[in-house]
Amino acid sequence: MSLVGHSPSQAHRIELGGLVYFRAVKSLRILITGGSSGIGAATAKLLAERGHRIYLLARKAEPMETIKSQFPAGQLAWKQADVRVPEDIQAGVSEMKALWGGIDVCIPNAGLGIFSPLQEARLEDWHTMVDINITGVLNTLHAALPSLVENRGHVIQIGSIAARNVFPNSGVYCATKHAVLAISESLRLEYRNELAVTTVNPGAVDTAFIDQTQNDELRESYRPQFQEGMRPEFIAEAIAMAVEARGKGVFSEITVRPDRR
């Protein structure tokens, strides 16, 4: 029997008070960019553990294959892609639709930040942040939107506390995350009756994010803040909460910060 377009329910295991419960969860078809590391990889693993089908797009193939090997055949697929290249994204979306019949959730997660005082910044770094953080999101949404609208799906954007603030040495990064939030709001307004839209705004997360910064002094001064930040698995839990709220309500915006107590 073909599974194209099929949306089976999976039993999700819950432990409560020493007892184990199982609840039926619809297996959603979820597209994640930047899925080879950090928040993207953590989200892929958590959502796959909960029975959803995950399609990953990223530039590094080996980590995606490692994640795939941890799950049953047919539950997770991946394609090597650069979000800056529209043809890469379209090819991945086409393959995902051929596999599973469509897309229920799109998470344009790929992004990066390169910190530097404006006067010392390299123009190519500004372009890289705009190309990945804004153009990459647009490329992903443009390819996925027709299927998302058809399936009354869910867009989950990865913003930042920088989406609502501006910090020294990161003005262009902040601008890109302001743009992500604006795109989310546009989607929410134009597709009010067709899509759910969530923006997750994390503070510092303990990933390799800070390693992109070429300014040695800034990178090392910021590193402790990120190392003491949230684990990517915690951000994945916030994303999963938004995904599985389907039919009950929509988290329009979720801000998560490190617990510094």
C-alpha atoms as a PDB file:
ATOM      1  CA  MET A   1       0.000   0.000   0.000  1.00  0.00           C
ATOM      2  CA  SER A   2       1.336   3.460  -0.858  1.00  0.00           C
ATOM      3  CA  LEU A   3       1.877   5.880   2.014  1.00  0.00           C
ATOM      4  CA  VAL A   4       1.849   8.989  -0.194  1.00  0.00           C
ATOM      5  CA  GLY A   5      -0.503  11.517   1.380  1.00  0.00           C
ATOM      6  CA  HIS A   6      -1.209   9.117   4.257  1.00  0.00           C
ATOM      7  CA  SER A   7      -1.308  10.711   7.744  1.00  0.00           C
ATOM      8  CA  PRO A   8      -1.155   7.854  10.259  1.00  0.00           C
ATOM      9  CA  SER A   9      -1.428   8.373  13.996  1.00  0.00           C
ATOM     10  CA  GLN A  10       1.500   7.428  16.221  1.00  0.00           C
ATOM     11  CA  ALA A  11       1.451   6.480  19.901  1.00  0.00           C
ATOM     12  CA  HIS A  12       3.349   9.108  21.889  1.00  0.00           C
ATOM     13  CA  ARG A  13       4.715   7.808  25.217  1.00  0.00           C
ATOM     14  CA  ILE A  14       4.165   9.988  28.301  1.00  0.00           C
ATOM     15  CA  GLU A  15       5.458   9.256  31.821  1.00  0.00           C
ATOM     16  CA  LEU A  16       3.507  10.851  34.646  1.00  0.00           C
ATOM     17  CA  GLY A  17       3.674  10.031  38.338  1.00  0.00           C
ATOM     18  CA  GLY A  18       5.518   6.789  37.666  1.00  0.00           C
ATOM     19  CA  LEU A  19       2.869   5.642  35.208  1.00  0.00           C
ATOM     20  CA  VAL A  20       3.260   5.373  31.452  1.00  0.00           C
ATOM     21  CA  TYR A  21       0.520   6.632  29.130  1.00  0.00           C
ATOM     22  CA  PHE A  22       0.223   6.605  25.356  1.00  0.00           C
ATOM     23  CA  ARG A  23      -1.685   9.163  23.319  1.00  0.00           C
ATOM     24  CA  ALA A  24      -2.412   9.208  19.611  1.00  0.00           C
ATOM     25  CA  VAL A  25      -0.580  11.932  17.686  1.00  0.00           C
ATOM     26  CA  LYS A  26      -1.141  12.625  14.005  1.00  0.00           C
ATOM     27  CA  SER A  27       2.064  12.025  12.083  1.00  0.00           C
ATOM     28  CA  LEU A  28       2.772  15.389  10.473  1.00  0.00           C
ATOM     29  CA  ARG A  29       5.042  15.926   7.465  1.00  0.00           C
ATOM     30  CA  ILE A  30       7.666  18.427   8.604  1.00  0.00           C
ATOM     31  CA  LEU A  31      10.284  20.269   6.535  1.00  0.00           C
ATOM     32  CA  ILE A  32      13.315  21.633   8.427  1.00  0.00           C
ATOM     33  CA  THR A  33      16.192  23.599   6.903  1.00  0.00           C
ATOM     34  CA  GLY A  34      19.532  23.823   8.670  1.00  0.00           C
ATOM     35  CA  GLY A  35      18.776  20.348   9.957  1.00  0.00           C
ATOM     36  CA  SER A  36      22.309  19.028  10.354  1.00  0.00           C
ATOM     37  CA  SER A  37      23.186  20.675  13.688  1.00  0.00           C
ATOM     38  CA  GLY A  38      22.049  22.886  16.544  1.00  0.00           C
ATOM     39  CA  ILE A  39      18.373  23.744  16.887  1.00  0.00           C
ATOM     40  CA  GLY A  40      17.503  22.109  13.554  1.00  0.00           C
ATOM     41  CA  ALA A  41      19.016  18.735  14.453  1.00  0.00           C
ATOM     42  CA  ALA A  42      17.566  18.785  17.973  1.00  0.00           C
ATOM     43  CA  THR A  43      14.118  19.604  16.591  1.00  0.00           C
ATOM     44  CA  ALA A  44      14.338  16.883  13.956  1.00  0.00           C
ATOM     45  CA  LYS A  45      15.193  14.257  16.572  1.00  0.00           C
ATOM     46  CA  LEU A  46      12.492  15.302  19.025  1.00  0.00           C
ATOM     47  CA  LEU A  47       9.728  15.495  16.436  1.00  0.00           C
ATOM     48  CA  ALA A  48      10.780  12.185  14.891  1.00  0.00           C
ATOM     49  CA  GLU A  49      10.745  10.594  18.358  1.00  0.00           C
ATOM     50  CA  ARG A  50       7.149  11.813  18.638  1.00  0.00           C
ATOM     51  CA  GLY A  51       6.202   9.998  15.460  1.00  0.00           C
ATOM     52  CA  HIS A  52       6.332  12.780  12.864  1.00  0.00           C
ATOM     53  CA  ARG A  53       7.940  12.426   9.440  1.00  0.00           C
ATOM     54  CA  ILE A  54      10.894  14.730   8.968  1.00  0.00           C
ATOM     55  CA  TYR A  55      12.523  16.003   5.795  1.00  0.00           C
ATOM     56  CA  LEU A  56      15.851  17.743   6.381  1.00  0.00           C
ATOM     57  CA  LEU A  57      17.684  20.197   4.158  1.00  0.00           C
ATOM     58  CA  ALA A  58      21.246  21.303   4.941  1.00  0.00           C
ATOM     59  CA  ARG A  59      24.660  21.657   3.349  1.00  0.00           C
ATOM     60  CA  LYS A  60      26.329  18.884   5.396  1.00  0.00           C
ATOM     61  CA  ALA A  61      25.184  15.417   4.413  1.00  0.00           C
ATOM     62  CA  GLU A  62      26.895  13.216   6.996  1.00  0.00           C
ATOM     63  CA  PRO A  63      25.139  14.579  10.120  1.00  0.00           C
ATOM     64  CA  MET A  64      21.742  14.250   8.431  1.00  0.00           C
ATOM     65  CA  GLU A  65      22.463  10.640   7.520  1.00  0.00           C
ATOM     66  CA  THR A  66      23.468   9.991  11.133  1.00  0.00           C
ATOM     67  CA  ILE A  67      20.150  11.372  12.363  1.00  0.00           C
ATOM     68  CA  LYS A  68      18.252   9.361   9.753  1.00  0.00           C
ATOM     69  CA  SER A  69      19.940   6.131  10.883  1.00  0.00           C
ATOM     70  CA  GLN A  70      18.455   6.540  14.375  1.00  0.00           C
ATOM     71  CA  PHE A  71      14.864   6.131  13.154  1.00  0.00           C
ATOM     72  CA  PRO A  72      12.796   3.536  11.283  1.00  0.00           C
ATOM     73  CA  ALA A  73      13.040   3.454   7.507  1.00  0.00           C
ATOM     74  CA  GLY A  74      10.743   5.952   5.839  1.00  0.00           C
ATOM     75  CA  GLN A  75      10.377   8.261   8.839  1.00  0.00           C
ATOM     76  CA  LEU A  76      13.194  10.679   8.064  1.00  0.00           C
ATOM     77  CA  ALA A  77      14.625  11.756   4.712  1.00  0.00           C
ATOM     78  CA  TRP A  78      17.148  14.403   3.752  1.00  0.00           C
ATOM     79  CA  LYS A  79      18.688  16.226   0.822  1.00  0.00           C
ATOM     80  CA  GLN A  80      21.883  18.227   0.612  1.00  0.00           C
ATOM     81  CA  ALA A  81      20.911  21.813  -0.161  1.00  0.00           C
ATOM     82  CA  ASP A  82      21.957  25.437   0.211  1.00  0.00           C
ATOM     83  CA  VAL A  83      19.045  27.677   1.213  1.00  0.00           C
ATOM     84  CA  ARG A  84      20.588  30.470  -0.864  1.00  0.00           C
ATOM     85  CA  VAL A  85      19.934  28.438  -4.022  1.00  0.00           C
ATOM     86  CA  PRO A  86      16.207  28.356  -4.928  1.00  0.00           C
ATOM     87  CA  GLU A  87      16.660  25.307  -7.157  1.00  0.00           C
ATOM     88  CA  ASP A  88      18.083  23.322  -4.220  1.00  0.00           C
ATOM     89  CA  ILE A  89      15.080  24.100  -2.054  1.00  0.00           C
ATOM     90  CA  GLN A  90      12.565  23.436  -4.810  1.00  0.00           C
ATOM     91  CA  ALA A  91      14.191  20.074  -5.522  1.00  0.00           C
ATOM     92  CA  GLY A  92      13.922  19.126  -1.856  1.00  0.00           C
ATOM     93  CA  VAL A  93      10.291  20.209  -1.600  1.00  0.00           C
ATOM     94  CA  SER A  94       9.444  18.274  -4.764  1.00  0.00           C
ATOM     95  CA  GLU A  95      11.095  15.149  -3.394  1.00  0.00           C
ATOM     96  CA  MET A  96       9.309  15.512  -0.054  1.00  0.00           C
ATOM     97  CA  LYS A  97       5.950  15.842  -1.795  1.00  0.00           C
ATOM     98  CA  ALA A  98       6.719  12.787  -3.924  1.00  0.00           C
ATOM     99  CA  LEU A  99       7.555  10.810  -0.779  1.00  0.00           C
ATOM    100  CA  TRP A 100       4.682  11.839   1.475  1.00  0.00           C
ATOM    101  CA  GLY A 101       2.203  13.781  -0.650  1.00  0.00           C
ATOM    102  CA  GLY A 102       2.712  17.225   0.852  1.00  0.00           C
ATOM    103  CA  ILE A 103       3.947  19.424   3.699  1.00  0.00           C
ATOM    104  CA  ASP A 104       2.146  20.078   6.979  1.00  0.00           C
ATOM    105  CA  VAL A 105       4.827  22.078   8.806  1.00  0.00           C
ATOM    106  CA  CYS A 106       7.687  24.194   7.476  1.00  0.00           C
ATOM    107  CA  ILE A 107      10.536  25.291   9.762  1.00  0.00           C
ATOM    108  CA  PRO A 108      12.994  27.561   7.870  1.00  0.00           C
ATOM    109  CA  ASN A 109      15.612  27.175  10.572  1.00  0.00           C
ATOM    110  CA  ALA A 110      18.875  27.782   8.676  1.00  0.00           C
ATOM    111  CA  GLY A 111      20.558  30.937   9.903  1.00  0.00           C
ATOM    112  CA  LEU A 112      23.751  32.419  11.262  1.00  0.00           C
ATOM    113  CA  GLY A 113      25.152  35.482  12.982  1.00  0.00           C
ATOM    114  CA  ILE A 114      28.513  37.186  12.450  1.00  0.00           C
ATOM    115  CA  PHE A 115      29.249  39.848  15.060  1.00  0.00           C
ATOM    116  CA  SER A 116      31.449  42.877  14.495  1.00  0.00           C
ATOM    117  CA  PRO A 117      31.375  46.655  14.989  1.00  0.00           C
ATOM    118  CA  LEU A 118      29.785  48.184  11.899  1.00  0.00           C
ATOM    119  CA  GLN A 119      32.896  50.134  10.941  1.00  0.00           C
ATOM    120  CA  GLU A 120      35.074  47.012  11.069  1.00  0.00           C
ATOM    121  CA  ALA A 121      32.617  44.577   9.472  1.00  0.00           C
ATOM    122  CA  ARG A 122      33.286  42.812   6.194  1.00  0.00           C
ATOM    123  CA  LEU A 123      30.688  43.517   3.519  1.00  0.00           C
ATOM    124  CA  GLU A 124      30.702  39.850   2.546  1.00  0.00           C
ATOM    125  CA  ASP A 125      29.622  38.934   6.100  1.00  0.00           C
ATOM    126  CA  TRP A 126      26.653  41.283   5.865  1.00  0.00           C
ATOM    127  CA  HIS A 127      25.705  39.730   2.533  1.00  0.00           C
ATOM    128  CA  THR A 128      26.057  36.216   3.963  1.00  0.00           C
ATOM    129  CA  MET A 129      23.679  36.981   6.840  1.00  0.00           C
ATOM    130  CA  VAL A 130      21.119  38.567   4.523  1.00  0.00           C
ATOM    131  CA  ASP A 131      21.421  35.748   1.987  1.00  0.00           C
ATOM    132  CA  ILE A 132      20.922  32.972   4.539  1.00  0.00           C
ATOM    133  CA  ASN A 133      18.735  34.592   7.210  1.00  0.00           C
ATOM    134  CA  ILE A 134      16.354  36.428   4.874  1.00  0.00           C
ATOM    135  CA  THR A 135      16.725  35.150   1.303  1.00  0.00           C
ATOM    136  CA  GLY A 136      17.051  31.559   2.549  1.00  0.00           C
ATOM    137  CA  VAL A 137      13.804  31.894   4.497  1.00  0.00           C
ATOM    138  CA  LEU A 138      12.060  33.405   1.473  1.00  0.00           C
ATOM    139  CA  ASN A 139      13.355  30.674  -0.845  1.00  0.00           C
ATOM    140  CA  THR A 140      12.045  28.032   1.553  1.00  0.00           C
ATOM    141  CA  LEU A 141       8.654  29.640   2.032  1.00  0.00           C
ATOM    142  CA  HIS A 142       8.165  30.283  -1.681  1.00  0.00           C
ATOM    143  CA  ALA A 143       8.753  26.616  -2.457  1.00  0.00           C
ATOM    144  CA  ALA A 144       6.677  25.258   0.428  1.00  0.00           C
ATOM    145  CA  LEU A 145       3.724  27.662   0.565  1.00  0.00           C
ATOM    146  CA  PRO A 146       1.490  26.048  -2.093  1.00  0.00           C
ATOM    147  CA  SER A 147       1.531  22.702  -0.280  1.00  0.00           C
ATOM    148  CA  LEU A 148       1.266  24.338   3.143  1.00  0.00           C
ATOM    149  CA  VAL A 149      -1.820  26.296   2.096  1.00  0.00           C
ATOM    150  CA  GLU A 150      -3.364  23.216   0.489  1.00  0.00           C
ATOM    151  CA  ASN A 151      -2.895  21.284   3.741  1.00  0.00           C
ATOM    152  CA  ARG A 152      -3.786  24.183   6.069  1.00  0.00           C
ATOM    153  CA  GLY A 153      -0.349  23.840   7.546  1.00  0.00           C
ATOM    154  CA  HIS A 154       1.951  25.604   9.952  1.00  0.00           C
ATOM    155  CA  VAL A 155       4.992  27.864   9.428  1.00  0.00           C
ATOM    156  CA  ILE A 156       7.382  28.000  12.372  1.00  0.00           C
ATOM    157  CA  GLN A 157       9.999  30.697  11.985  1.00  0.00           C
ATOM    158  CA  ILE A 158      13.165  30.842  14.040  1.00  0.00           C
ATOM    159  CA  GLY A 159      13.562  34.429  15.094  1.00  0.00           C
ATOM    160  CA  SER A 160      15.632  35.649  18.025  1.00  0.00           C
ATOM    161  CA  ILE A 161      15.395  38.083  20.895  1.00  0.00           C
ATOM    162  CA  ALA A 162      17.234  40.192  18.285  1.00  0.00           C
ATOM    163  CA  ALA A 163      13.924  40.285  16.367  1.00  0.00           C
ATOM    164  CA  ARG A 164      12.608  42.774  18.922  1.00  0.00           C
ATOM    165  CA  ASN A 165      15.861  44.362  20.112  1.00  0.00           C
ATOM    166  CA  VAL A 166      19.043  45.829  18.664  1.00  0.00           C
ATOM    167  CA  PHE A 167      22.403  45.024  20.228  1.00  0.00           C
ATOM    168  CA  PRO A 168      25.872  46.521  19.688  1.00  0.00           C
ATOM    169  CA  ASN A 169      28.140  44.727  17.211  1.00  0.00           C
ATOM    170  CA  SER A 170      25.218  42.825  15.702  1.00  0.00           C
ATOM    171  CA  GLY A 171      23.144  45.446  13.892  1.00  0.00           C
ATOM    172  CA  VAL A 172      22.864  43.593  10.587  1.00  0.00           C
ATOM    173  CA  TYR A 173      22.090  40.292  12.311  1.00  0.00           C
ATOM    174  CA  CYS A 174      19.353  42.057  14.296  1.00  0.00           C
ATOM    175  CA  ALA A 175      18.024  43.540  11.048  1.00  0.00           C
ATOM    176  CA  THR A 176      17.744  40.068   9.505  1.00  0.00           C
ATOM    177  CA  LYS A 177      15.781  38.775  12.496  1.00  0.00           C
ATOM    178  CA  HIS A 178      13.505  41.820  12.426  1.00  0.00           C
ATOM    179  CA  ALA A 179      12.844  40.826   8.812  1.00  0.00           C
ATOM    180  CA  VAL A 180      11.996  37.249   9.823  1.00  0.00           C
ATOM    181  CA  LEU A 181       9.441  38.542  12.309  1.00  0.00           C
ATOM    182  CA  ALA A 182       7.960  40.881   9.662  1.00  0.00           C
ATOM    183  CA  ILE A 183       7.640  37.960   7.242  1.00  0.00           C
ATOM    184  CA  SER A 184       5.862  35.954   9.945  1.00  0.00           C
ATOM    185  CA  GLU A 185       3.403  38.761  10.589  1.00  0.00           C
ATOM    186  CA  SER A 186       2.752  39.134   6.868  1.00  0.00           C
ATOM    187  CA  LEU A 187       1.997  35.421   6.579  1.00  0.00           C
ATOM    188  CA  ARG A 188      -0.288  35.582   9.608  1.00  0.00           C
ATOM    189  CA  LEU A 189      -2.261  38.481   8.150  1.00  0.00           C
ATOM    190  CA  GLU A 190      -2.543  37.199   4.583  1.00  0.00           C
ATOM    191  CA  TYR A 191      -3.198  33.536   5.451  1.00  0.00           C
ATOM    192  CA  ARG A 192      -5.249  33.971   8.612  1.00  0.00           C
ATOM    193  CA  ASN A 193      -7.685  31.229   7.601  1.00  0.00           C
ATOM    194  CA  GLU A 194      -5.230  28.936   5.836  1.00  0.00           C
ATOM    195  CA  LEU A 195      -2.067  28.776   7.954  1.00  0.00           C
ATOM    196  CA  ALA A 196      -0.873  28.801  11.518  1.00  0.00           C
ATOM    197  CA  VAL A 197       2.225  30.955  11.974  1.00  0.00           C
ATOM    198  CA  THR A 198       4.603  30.841  14.938  1.00  0.00           C
ATOM    199  CA  THR A 199       7.836  32.731  15.537  1.00  0.00           C
ATOM    200  CA  VAL A 200      10.177  31.280  18.152  1.00  0.00           C
ATOM    201  CA  ASN A 201      12.570  33.898  19.558  1.00  0.00           C
ATOM    202  CA  PRO A 202      15.438  32.290  21.494  1.00  0.00           C
ATOM    203  CA  GLY A 203      18.029  34.084  23.550  1.00  0.00           C
ATOM    204  CA  ALA A 204      21.536  32.607  23.826  1.00  0.00           C
ATOM    205  CA  VAL A 205      21.699  28.925  22.873  1.00  0.00           C
ATOM    206  CA  ASP A 206      24.694  26.650  23.445  1.00  0.00           C
ATOM    207  CA  THR A 207      25.526  25.747  19.847  1.00  0.00           C
ATOM    208  CA  ALA A 208      28.378  26.521  17.443  1.00  0.00           C
ATOM    209  CA  PHE A 209      26.554  29.757  16.491  1.00  0.00           C
ATOM    210  CA  ILE A 210      29.248  32.060  17.904  1.00  0.00           C
ATOM    211  CA  ASP A 211      32.025  30.303  15.943  1.00  0.00           C
ATOM    212  CA  GLN A 212      31.039  32.189  12.764  1.00  0.00           C
ATOM    213  CA  THR A 213      32.316  35.458  14.256  1.00  0.00           C
ATOM    214  CA  GLN A 214      35.765  36.312  12.883  1.00  0.00           C
ATOM    215  CA  ASN A 215      36.531  39.068  15.395  1.00  0.00           C
ATOM    216  CA  ASP A 216      38.571  37.105  17.957  1.00  0.00           C
ATOM    217  CA  GLU A 217      38.041  39.510  20.838  1.00  0.00           C
ATOM    218  CA  LEU A 218      34.281  39.662  20.384  1.00  0.00           C
ATOM    219  CA  ARG A 219      33.919  35.939  19.790  1.00  0.00           C
ATOM    220  CA  GLU A 220      35.749  34.976  22.951  1.00  0.00           C
ATOM    221  CA  SER A 221      34.053  37.656  25.056  1.00  0.00           C
ATOM    222  CA  TYR A 222      30.611  36.384  23.909  1.00  0.00           C
ATOM    223  CA  ARG A 223      31.442  32.691  24.118  1.00  0.00           C
ATOM    224  CA  PRO A 224      30.684  32.246  27.861  1.00  0.00           C
ATOM    225  CA  GLN A 225      27.243  33.817  27.370  1.00  0.00           C
ATOM    226  CA  PHE A 226      26.402  31.189  24.738  1.00  0.00           C
ATOM    227  CA  GLN A 227      28.022  28.304  26.610  1.00  0.00           C
ATOM    228  CA  GLU A 228      25.871  29.163  29.634  1.00  0.00           C
ATOM    229  CA  GLY A 229      22.798  29.520  27.439  1.00  0.00           C
ATOM    230  CA  MET A 230      19.961  27.143  26.704  1.00  0.00           C
ATOM    231  CA  ARG A 231      20.430  23.722  25.202  1.00  0.00           C
ATOM    232  CA  PRO A 232      19.056  23.372  21.635  1.00  0.00           C
ATOM    233  CA  GLU A 233      16.816  20.580  22.933  1.00  0.00           C
ATOM    234  CA  PHE A 234      14.942  23.156  25.019  1.00  0.00           C
ATOM    235  CA  ILE A 235      14.209  25.220  21.906  1.00  0.00           C
ATOM    236  CA  ALA A 236      13.096  22.008  20.201  1.00  0.00           C
ATOM    237  CA  GLU A 237      10.597  21.456  23.028  1.00  0.00           C
ATOM    238  CA  ALA A 238       9.116  24.913  22.421  1.00  0.00           C
ATOM    239  CA  ILE A 239       8.821  24.143  18.715  1.00  0.00           C
ATOM    240  CA  ALA A 240       7.191  20.772  19.427  1.00  0.00           C
ATOM    241  CA  MET A 241       4.700  22.456  21.752  1.00  0.00           C
ATOM    242  CA  ALA A 242       3.711  24.818  18.928  1.00  0.00           C
ATOM    243  CA  VAL A 243       3.508  21.993  16.366  1.00  0.00           C
ATOM    244  CA  GLU A 244       1.315  19.803  18.553  1.00  0.00           C
ATOM    245  CA  ALA A 245      -1.062  22.607  19.550  1.00  0.00           C
ATOM    246  CA  ARG A 246      -2.801  22.052  16.204  1.00  0.00           C
ATOM    247  CA  GLY A 247      -6.557  22.245  16.618  1.00  0.00           C
ATOM    248  CA  LYS A 248      -6.347  23.772  20.111  1.00  0.00           C
ATOM    249  CA  GLY A 249      -4.771  27.164  19.426  1.00  0.00           C
ATOM    250  CA  VAL A 250      -1.792  28.885  17.833  1.00  0.00           C
ATOM    251  CA  PHE A 251       1.301  30.179  19.573  1.00  0.00           C
ATOM    252  CA  SER A 252       1.937  33.288  17.482  1.00  0.00           C
ATOM    253  CA  GLU A 253       5.197  34.121  19.221  1.00  0.00           C
ATOM    254  CA  ILE A 254       7.306  32.274  21.775  1.00  0.00           C
ATOM    255  CA  THR A 255      10.240  33.979  23.480  1.00  0.00           C
ATOM    256  CA  VAL A 256      12.646  31.773  25.413  1.00  0.00           C
ATOM    257  CA  ARG A 257      15.578  33.032  27.459  1.00  0.00           C
ATOM    258  CA  PRO A 258      18.251  31.295  29.541  1.00  0.00           C
ATOM    259  CA  ASP A 259      17.425  30.727  33.174  1.00  0.00           C
ATOM    260  CA  ARG A 260      20.231  32.727  34.846  1.00  0.00           C
ATOM    261  CA  ARG A 261      19.145  31.980  38.436  1.00  0.00           C
END
